Amino acid sequence: MCTSRFHRVVDVVDDDSVVVLDVDGATHTISLLALEGPPPEVGEWLVVHSGYAIDRADAREAEHVVTDIRRAMAMVQTEEES
């Protein structure tokens, strides 16, 4: 199942794609074909779904959500190790 997630832009490839960092720390090249407006800049947060940027995200909100997700993932991993 595909879900939309926040990703932070780490590199601009061209007008049609950027490299983003996901919640797990992996990088992906994604398409900007579904994103309205000017190309995003490095450091900007995007909502990504199935390899396409579909919206821009408020940086403060995205950072808060990503922090919560990472904290929850760490808790699950700790429980699994117990």
PDB file of N, CA and C in Angstrom:
ATOM      1  N   MET A   1       0.843  -1.168   0.000  1.00  0.00           N
ATOM      2  CA  MET A   1       0.000   0.000   0.000  1.00  0.00           C
ATOM      3  C   MET A   1       0.895   1.240   0.000  1.00  0.00           C
ATOM      4  N   CYS A   2       0.552   2.211  -0.807  1.00  0.00           N
ATOM      5  CA  CYS A   2       1.297   3.460  -0.866  1.00  0.00           C
ATOM      6  C   CYS A   2       0.658   4.492   0.056  1.00  0.00           C
ATOM      7  N   THR A   3       1.496   5.230   0.737  1.00  0.00           N
ATOM      8  CA  THR A   3       0.999   6.309   1.588  1.00  0.00           C
ATOM      9  C   THR A   3       1.783   7.577   1.288  1.00  0.00           C
ATOM     10  N   SER A   4       1.166   8.702   1.590  1.00  0.00           N
ATOM     11  CA  SER A   4       1.851   9.978   1.433  1.00  0.00           C
ATOM     12  C   SER A   4       2.680  10.233   2.678  1.00  0.00           C
ATOM     13  N   ARG A   5       3.895  10.742   2.482  1.00  0.00           N
ATOM     14  CA  ARG A   5       4.778  11.021   3.606  1.00  0.00           C
ATOM     15  C   ARG A   5       5.531  12.312   3.346  1.00  0.00           C
ATOM     16  N   PHE A   6       6.017  12.904   4.445  1.00  0.00           N
ATOM     17  CA  PHE A   6       6.840  14.102   4.323  1.00  0.00           C
ATOM     18  C   PHE A   6       8.261  13.708   3.931  1.00  0.00           C
ATOM     19  N   HIS A   7       8.847  14.477   3.033  1.00  0.00           N
ATOM     20  CA  HIS A   7      10.234  14.300   2.610  1.00  0.00           C
ATOM     21  C   HIS A   7      10.872  15.675   2.507  1.00  0.00           C
ATOM     22  N   ARG A   8      12.147  15.757   2.852  1.00  0.00           N
ATOM     23  CA  ARG A   8      12.872  17.023   2.760  1.00  0.00           C
ATOM     24  C   ARG A   8      13.771  17.001   1.529  1.00  0.00           C
ATOM     25  N   VAL A   9      13.720  18.070   0.752  1.00  0.00           N
ATOM     26  CA  VAL A   9      14.537  18.169  -0.473  1.00  0.00           C
ATOM     27  C   VAL A   9      16.007  18.340  -0.075  1.00  0.00           C
ATOM     28  N   VAL A  10      16.872  17.479  -0.632  1.00  0.00           N
ATOM     29  CA  VAL A  10      18.303  17.570  -0.343  1.00  0.00           C
ATOM     30  C   VAL A  10      19.131  17.935  -1.573  1.00  0.00           C
ATOM     31  N   ASP A  11      18.524  17.813  -2.770  1.00  0.00           N
ATOM     32  CA  ASP A  11      19.245  18.177  -3.992  1.00  0.00           C
ATOM     33  C   ASP A  11      18.238  18.390  -5.114  1.00  0.00           C
ATOM     34  N   VAL A  12      18.509  19.349  -5.959  1.00  0.00           N
ATOM     35  CA  VAL A  12      17.674  19.595  -7.135  1.00  0.00           C
ATOM     36  C   VAL A  12      18.367  18.957  -8.333  1.00  0.00           C
ATOM     37  N   VAL A  13      17.686  18.025  -8.986  1.00  0.00           N
ATOM     38  CA  VAL A  13      18.243  17.342 -10.148  1.00  0.00           C
ATOM     39  C   VAL A  13      18.033  18.199 -11.387  1.00  0.00           C
ATOM     40  N   ASP A  14      16.795  18.594 -11.624  1.00  0.00           N
ATOM     41  CA  ASP A  14      16.438  19.459 -12.749  1.00  0.00           C
ATOM     42  C   ASP A  14      15.053  20.028 -12.466  1.00  0.00           C
ATOM     43  N   ASP A  15      14.424  20.645 -13.455  1.00  0.00           N
ATOM     44  CA  ASP A  15      13.097  21.241 -13.247  1.00  0.00           C
ATOM     45  C   ASP A  15      12.008  20.207 -13.013  1.00  0.00           C
ATOM     46  N   ASP A  16      12.283  18.945 -13.321  1.00  0.00           N
ATOM     47  CA  ASP A  16      11.268  17.897 -13.209  1.00  0.00           C
ATOM     48  C   ASP A  16      11.478  16.925 -12.054  1.00  0.00           C
ATOM     49  N   SER A  17      12.615  16.998 -11.348  1.00  0.00           N
ATOM     50  CA  SER A  17      12.854  16.038 -10.270  1.00  0.00           C
ATOM     51  C   SER A  17      13.831  16.588  -9.235  1.00  0.00           C
ATOM     52  N   VAL A  18      13.690  16.055  -8.028  1.00  0.00           N
ATOM     53  CA  VAL A  18      14.571  16.411  -6.913  1.00  0.00           C
ATOM     54  C   VAL A  18      14.924  15.143  -6.148  1.00  0.00           C
ATOM     55  N   VAL A  19      15.973  15.224  -5.354  1.00  0.00           N
ATOM     56  CA  VAL A  19      16.336  14.148  -4.446  1.00  0.00           C
ATOM     57  C   VAL A  19      15.834  14.553  -3.068  1.00  0.00           C
ATOM     58  N   VAL A  20      15.143  13.614  -2.406  1.00  0.00           N
ATOM     59  CA  VAL A  20      14.572  13.889  -1.096  1.00  0.00           C
ATOM     60  C   VAL A  20      15.061  12.873  -0.074  1.00  0.00           C
ATOM     61  N   LEU A  21      14.980  13.264   1.183  1.00  0.00           N
ATOM     62  CA  LEU A  21      15.328  12.396   2.312  1.00  0.00           C
ATOM     63  C   LEU A  21      14.028  12.008   3.001  1.00  0.00           C
ATOM     64  N   ASP A  22      13.802  10.709   3.198  1.00  0.00           N
ATOM     65  CA  ASP A  22      12.565  10.279   3.843  1.00  0.00           C
ATOM     66  C   ASP A  22      12.749  10.097   5.347  1.00  0.00           C
ATOM     67  N   VAL A  23      11.688   9.709   6.010  1.00  0.00           N
ATOM     68  CA  VAL A  23      11.680   9.552   7.465  1.00  0.00           C
ATOM     69  C   VAL A  23      12.695   8.517   7.927  1.00  0.00           C
ATOM     70  N   ASP A  24      12.936   7.507   7.104  1.00  0.00           N
ATOM     71  CA  ASP A  24      13.868   6.439   7.456  1.00  0.00           C
ATOM     72  C   ASP A  24      15.322   6.798   7.181  1.00  0.00           C
ATOM     73  N   GLY A  25      15.554   7.986   6.588  1.00  0.00           N
ATOM     74  CA  GLY A  25      16.911   8.417   6.293  1.00  0.00           C
ATOM     75  C   GLY A  25      17.404   8.015   4.917  1.00  0.00           C
ATOM     76  N   ALA A  26      16.539   7.436   4.097  1.00  0.00           N
ATOM     77  CA  ALA A  26      16.915   7.035   2.740  1.00  0.00           C
ATOM     78  C   ALA A  26      16.633   8.180   1.772  1.00  0.00           C
ATOM     79  N   THR A  27      17.426   8.242   0.714  1.00  0.00           N
ATOM     80  CA  THR A  27      17.192   9.258  -0.309  1.00  0.00           C
ATOM     81  C   THR A  27      16.503   8.630  -1.513  1.00  0.00           C
ATOM     82  N   HIS A  28      15.694   9.438  -2.183  1.00  0.00           N
ATOM     83  CA  HIS A  28      14.949   9.007  -3.356  1.00  0.00           C
ATOM     84  C   HIS A  28      14.897  10.159  -4.351  1.00  0.00           C
ATOM     85  N   THR A  29      14.918   9.842  -5.616  1.00  0.00           N
ATOM     86  CA  THR A  29      14.671  10.845  -6.641  1.00  0.00           C
ATOM     87  C   THR A  29      13.187  10.777  -6.963  1.00  0.00           C
ATOM     88  N   ILE A  30      12.513  11.930  -6.874  1.00  0.00           N
ATOM     89  CA  ILE A  30      11.070  11.957  -7.095  1.00  0.00           C
ATOM     90  C   ILE A  30      10.723  12.942  -8.209  1.00  0.00           C
ATOM     91  N   SER A  31       9.560  12.744  -8.771  1.00  0.00           N
ATOM     92  CA  SER A  31       9.075  13.577  -9.859  1.00  0.00           C
ATOM     93  C   SER A  31       8.324  14.801  -9.323  1.00  0.00           C
ATOM     94  N   LEU A  32       8.454  15.910 -10.033  1.00  0.00           N
ATOM     95  CA  LEU A  32       7.743  17.134  -9.692  1.00  0.00           C
ATOM     96  C   LEU A  32       6.570  17.389 -10.637  1.00  0.00           C
ATOM     97  N   LEU A  33       6.244  16.429 -11.488  1.00  0.00           N
ATOM     98  CA  LEU A  33       5.213  16.628 -12.504  1.00  0.00           C
ATOM     99  C   LEU A  33       3.838  16.924 -11.906  1.00  0.00           C
ATOM    100  N   ALA A  34       3.554  16.469 -10.691  1.00  0.00           N
ATOM    101  CA  ALA A  34       2.244  16.697 -10.070  1.00  0.00           C
ATOM    102  C   ALA A  34       2.247  17.895  -9.120  1.00  0.00           C
ATOM    103  N   LEU A  35       3.384  18.580  -8.992  1.00  0.00           N
ATOM    104  CA  LEU A  35       3.503  19.694  -8.049  1.00  0.00           C
ATOM    105  C   LEU A  35       3.280  21.016  -8.762  1.00  0.00           C
ATOM    106  N   GLU A  36       2.371  21.813  -8.230  1.00  0.00           N
ATOM    107  CA  GLU A  36       2.107  23.125  -8.812  1.00  0.00           C
ATOM    108  C   GLU A  36       3.092  24.148  -8.271  1.00  0.00           C
ATOM    109  N   GLY A  37       3.349  25.171  -9.049  1.00  0.00           N
ATOM    110  CA  GLY A  37       4.224  26.252  -8.616  1.00  0.00           C
ATOM    111  C   GLY A  37       5.658  26.034  -9.036  1.00  0.00           C
ATOM    112  N   PRO A  38       6.535  26.893  -8.517  1.00  0.00           N
ATOM    113  CA  PRO A  38       7.945  26.796  -8.888  1.00  0.00           C
ATOM    114  C   PRO A  38       8.597  25.544  -8.290  1.00  0.00           C
ATOM    115  N   PRO A  39       9.703  25.103  -8.883  1.00  0.00           N
ATOM    116  CA  PRO A  39      10.405  23.949  -8.320  1.00  0.00           C
ATOM    117  C   PRO A  39      10.810  24.227  -6.872  1.00  0.00           C
ATOM    118  N   PRO A  40      10.763  23.214  -6.015  1.00  0.00           N
ATOM    119  CA  PRO A  40      11.159  23.401  -4.620  1.00  0.00           C
ATOM    120  C   PRO A  40      12.660  23.617  -4.490  1.00  0.00           C
ATOM    121  N   GLU A  41      13.039  24.217  -3.382  1.00  0.00           N
ATOM    122  CA  GLU A  41      14.449  24.470  -3.100  1.00  0.00           C
ATOM    123  C   GLU A  41      14.959  23.475  -2.061  1.00  0.00           C
ATOM    124  N   VAL A  42      16.264  23.317  -1.998  1.00  0.00           N
ATOM    125  CA  VAL A  42      16.884  22.451  -0.987  1.00  0.00           C
ATOM    126  C   VAL A  42      16.431  22.926   0.392  1.00  0.00           C
ATOM    127  N   GLY A  43      16.034  21.964   1.225  1.00  0.00           N
ATOM    128  CA  GLY A  43      15.561  22.260   2.571  1.00  0.00           C
ATOM    129  C   GLY A  43      14.050  22.335   2.681  1.00  0.00           C
ATOM    130  N   GLU A  44      13.371  22.481   1.559  1.00  0.00           N
ATOM    131  CA  GLU A  44      11.908  22.566   1.569  1.00  0.00           C
ATOM    132  C   GLU A  44      11.309  21.179   1.818  1.00  0.00           C
ATOM    133  N   TRP A  45      10.163  21.152   2.496  1.00  0.00           N
ATOM    134  CA  TRP A  45       9.464  19.902   2.781  1.00  0.00           C
ATOM    135  C   TRP A  45       8.350  19.696   1.766  1.00  0.00           C
ATOM    136  N   LEU A  46       8.206  18.442   1.318  1.00  0.00           N
ATOM    137  CA  LEU A  46       7.173  18.085   0.363  1.00  0.00           C
ATOM    138  C   LEU A  46       6.362  16.905   0.876  1.00  0.00           C
ATOM    139  N   VAL A  47       5.131  16.817   0.412  1.00  0.00           N
ATOM    140  CA  VAL A  47       4.324  15.621   0.617  1.00  0.00           C
ATOM    141  C   VAL A  47       4.522  14.782  -0.633  1.00  0.00           C
ATOM    142  N   VAL A  48       4.999  13.556  -0.449  1.00  0.00           N
ATOM    143  CA  VAL A  48       5.319  12.680  -1.574  1.00  0.00           C
ATOM    144  C   VAL A  48       4.420  11.455  -1.525  1.00  0.00           C
ATOM    145  N   HIS A  49       3.880  11.103  -2.686  1.00  0.00           N
ATOM    146  CA  HIS A  49       3.024   9.919  -2.809  1.00  0.00           C
ATOM    147  C   HIS A  49       3.423   9.165  -4.062  1.00  0.00           C
ATOM    148  N   SER A  50       3.810   7.920  -3.897  1.00  0.00           N
ATOM    149  CA  SER A  50       4.160   7.043  -5.020  1.00  0.00           C
ATOM    150  C   SER A  50       5.195   7.656  -5.960  1.00  0.00           C
ATOM    151  N   GLY A  51       6.178   8.336  -5.376  1.00  0.00           N
ATOM    152  CA  GLY A  51       7.264   8.877  -6.183  1.00  0.00           C
ATOM    153  C   GLY A  51       6.999  10.238  -6.795  1.00  0.00           C
ATOM    154  N   TYR A  52       5.866  10.849  -6.450  1.00  0.00           N
ATOM    155  CA  TYR A  52       5.518  12.168  -6.966  1.00  0.00           C
ATOM    156  C   TYR A  52       5.325  13.155  -5.817  1.00  0.00           C
ATOM    157  N   ALA A  53       5.896  14.342  -5.942  1.00  0.00           N
ATOM    158  CA  ALA A  53       5.607  15.412  -4.996  1.00  0.00           C
ATOM    159  C   ALA A  53       4.211  15.916  -5.317  1.00  0.00           C
ATOM    160  N   ILE A  54       3.316  15.900  -4.326  1.00  0.00           N
ATOM    161  CA  ILE A  54       1.941  16.314  -4.588  1.00  0.00           C
ATOM    162  C   ILE A  54       1.575  17.611  -3.884  1.00  0.00           C
ATOM    163  N   ASP A  55       2.408  18.049  -2.927  1.00  0.00           N
ATOM    164  CA  ASP A  55       2.117  19.292  -2.225  1.00  0.00           C
ATOM    165  C   ASP A  55       3.358  19.729  -1.455  1.00  0.00           C
ATOM    166  N   ARG A  56       3.358  20.988  -1.066  1.00  0.00           N
ATOM    167  CA  ARG A  56       4.406  21.516  -0.200  1.00  0.00           C
ATOM    168  C   ARG A  56       3.913  21.426   1.239  1.00  0.00           C
ATOM    169  N   ALA A  57       4.835  21.315   2.170  1.00  0.00           N
ATOM    170  CA  ALA A  57       4.462  21.183   3.575  1.00  0.00           C
ATOM    171  C   ALA A  57       5.084  22.304   4.385  1.00  0.00           C
ATOM    172  N   ASP A  58       4.380  22.725   5.416  1.00  0.00           N
ATOM    173  CA  ASP A  58       4.910  23.694   6.358  1.00  0.00           C
ATOM    174  C   ASP A  58       6.096  23.054   7.080  1.00  0.00           C
ATOM    175  N   ALA A  59       7.231  23.723   7.089  1.00  0.00           N
ATOM    176  CA  ALA A  59       8.460  23.147   7.656  1.00  0.00           C
ATOM    177  C   ALA A  59       8.298  22.783   9.120  1.00  0.00           C
ATOM    178  N   ARG A  60       7.695  23.647   9.901  1.00  0.00           N
ATOM    179  CA  ARG A  60       7.547  23.382  11.340  1.00  0.00           C
ATOM    180  C   ARG A  60       6.659  22.159  11.579  1.00  0.00           C
ATOM    181  N   GLU A  61       5.555  22.075  10.845  1.00  0.00           N
ATOM    182  CA  GLU A  61       4.652  20.940  10.988  1.00  0.00           C
ATOM    183  C   GLU A  61       5.332  19.648  10.544  1.00  0.00           C
ATOM    184  N   ALA A  62       6.015  19.689   9.404  1.00  0.00           N
ATOM    185  CA  ALA A  62       6.682  18.495   8.881  1.00  0.00           C
ATOM    186  C   ALA A  62       7.747  17.999   9.851  1.00  0.00           C
ATOM    187  N   GLU A  63       8.564  18.904  10.378  1.00  0.00           N
ATOM    188  CA  GLU A  63       9.613  18.502  11.318  1.00  0.00           C
ATOM    189  C   GLU A  63       9.020  17.891  12.583  1.00  0.00           C
ATOM    190  N   HIS A  64       7.906  18.438  13.053  1.00  0.00           N
ATOM    191  CA  HIS A  64       7.239  17.894  14.241  1.00  0.00           C
ATOM    192  C   HIS A  64       6.717  16.480  13.963  1.00  0.00           C
ATOM    193  N   VAL A  65       6.051  16.296  12.834  1.00  0.00           N
ATOM    194  CA  VAL A  65       5.507  14.987  12.486  1.00  0.00           C
ATOM    195  C   VAL A  65       6.621  13.967  12.285  1.00  0.00           C
ATOM    196  N   VAL A  66       7.668  14.349  11.573  1.00  0.00           N
ATOM    197  CA  VAL A  66       8.784  13.436  11.332  1.00  0.00           C
ATOM    198  C   VAL A  66       9.457  13.034  12.644  1.00  0.00           C
ATOM    199  N   THR A  67       9.622  13.980  13.548  1.00  0.00           N
ATOM    200  CA  THR A  67      10.194  13.665  14.867  1.00  0.00           C
ATOM    201  C   THR A  67       9.329  12.654  15.601  1.00  0.00           C
ATOM    202  N   ASP A  68       8.013  12.856  15.584  1.00  0.00           N
ATOM    203  CA  ASP A  68       7.098  11.915  16.242  1.00  0.00           C
ATOM    204  C   ASP A  68       7.164  10.534  15.605  1.00  0.00           C
ATOM    205  N   ILE A  69       7.234  10.486  14.276  1.00  0.00           N
ATOM    206  CA  ILE A  69       7.303   9.193  13.587  1.00  0.00           C
ATOM    207  C   ILE A  69       8.597   8.471  13.951  1.00  0.00           C
ATOM    208  N   ARG A  70       9.702   9.190  13.937  1.00  0.00           N
ATOM    209  CA  ARG A  70      10.986   8.564  14.283  1.00  0.00           C
ATOM    210  C   ARG A  70      10.998   8.075  15.728  1.00  0.00           C
ATOM    211  N   ARG A  71      10.400   8.843  16.619  1.00  0.00           N
ATOM    212  CA  ARG A  71      10.323   8.436  18.030  1.00  0.00           C
ATOM    213  C   ARG A  71       9.497   7.156  18.152  1.00  0.00           C
ATOM    214  N   ALA A  72       8.371   7.086  17.463  1.00  0.00           N
ATOM    215  CA  ALA A  72       7.525   5.894  17.507  1.00  0.00           C
ATOM    216  C   ALA A  72       8.250   4.691  16.911  1.00  0.00           C
ATOM    217  N   MET A  73       8.966   4.900  15.808  1.00  0.00           N
ATOM    218  CA  MET A  73       9.714   3.805  15.195  1.00  0.00           C
ATOM    219  C   MET A  73      10.785   3.277  16.147  1.00  0.00           C
ATOM    220  N   ALA A  74      11.437   4.163  16.875  1.00  0.00           N
ATOM    221  CA  ALA A  74      12.468   3.750  17.837  1.00  0.00           C
ATOM    222  C   ALA A  74      11.845   2.955  18.980  1.00  0.00           C
ATOM    223  N   MET A  75      10.662   3.372  19.419  1.00  0.00           N
ATOM    224  CA  MET A  75       9.983   2.657  20.502  1.00  0.00           C
ATOM    225  C   MET A  75       9.600   1.248  20.058  1.00  0.00           C
ATOM    226  N   VAL A  76       9.103   1.110  18.848  1.00  0.00           N
ATOM    227  CA  VAL A  76       8.726  -0.204  18.327  1.00  0.00           C
ATOM    228  C   VAL A  76       9.952  -1.086  18.216  1.00  0.00           C
ATOM    229  N   GLN A  77      11.038  -0.530  17.722  1.00  0.00           N
ATOM    230  CA  GLN A  77      12.270  -1.307  17.590  1.00  0.00           C
ATOM    231  C   GLN A  77      12.771  -1.759  18.954  1.00  0.00           C
ATOM    232  N   THR A  78      12.705  -0.890  19.943  1.00  0.00           N
ATOM    233  CA  THR A  78      13.136  -1.233  21.299  1.00  0.00           C
ATOM    234  C   THR A  78      12.266  -2.361  21.863  1.00  0.00           C
ATOM    235  N   GLU A  79      10.957  -2.282  21.646  1.00  0.00           N
ATOM    236  CA  GLU A  79      10.041  -3.330  22.126  1.00  0.00           C
ATOM    237  C   GLU A  79      10.324  -4.671  21.446  1.00  0.00           C
ATOM    238  N   GLU A  80      10.647  -4.624  20.159  1.00  0.00           N
ATOM    239  CA  GLU A  80      10.929  -5.853  19.417  1.00  0.00           C
ATOM    240  C   GLU A  80      12.215  -6.505  19.910  1.00  0.00           C
ATOM    241  N   GLU A  81      13.163  -5.700  20.362  1.00  0.00           N
ATOM    242  CA  GLU A  81      14.422  -6.240  20.855  1.00  0.00           C
ATOM    243  C   GLU A  81      14.302  -6.829  22.258  1.00  0.00           C
ATOM    244  N   SER A  82      13.257  -6.464  22.967  1.00  0.00           N
ATOM    245  CA  SER A  82      13.056  -6.952  24.348  1.00  0.00           C
ATOM    246  C   SER A  82      12.517  -8.351  24.384  1.00  0.00           C
TER     247      SER A  82
END
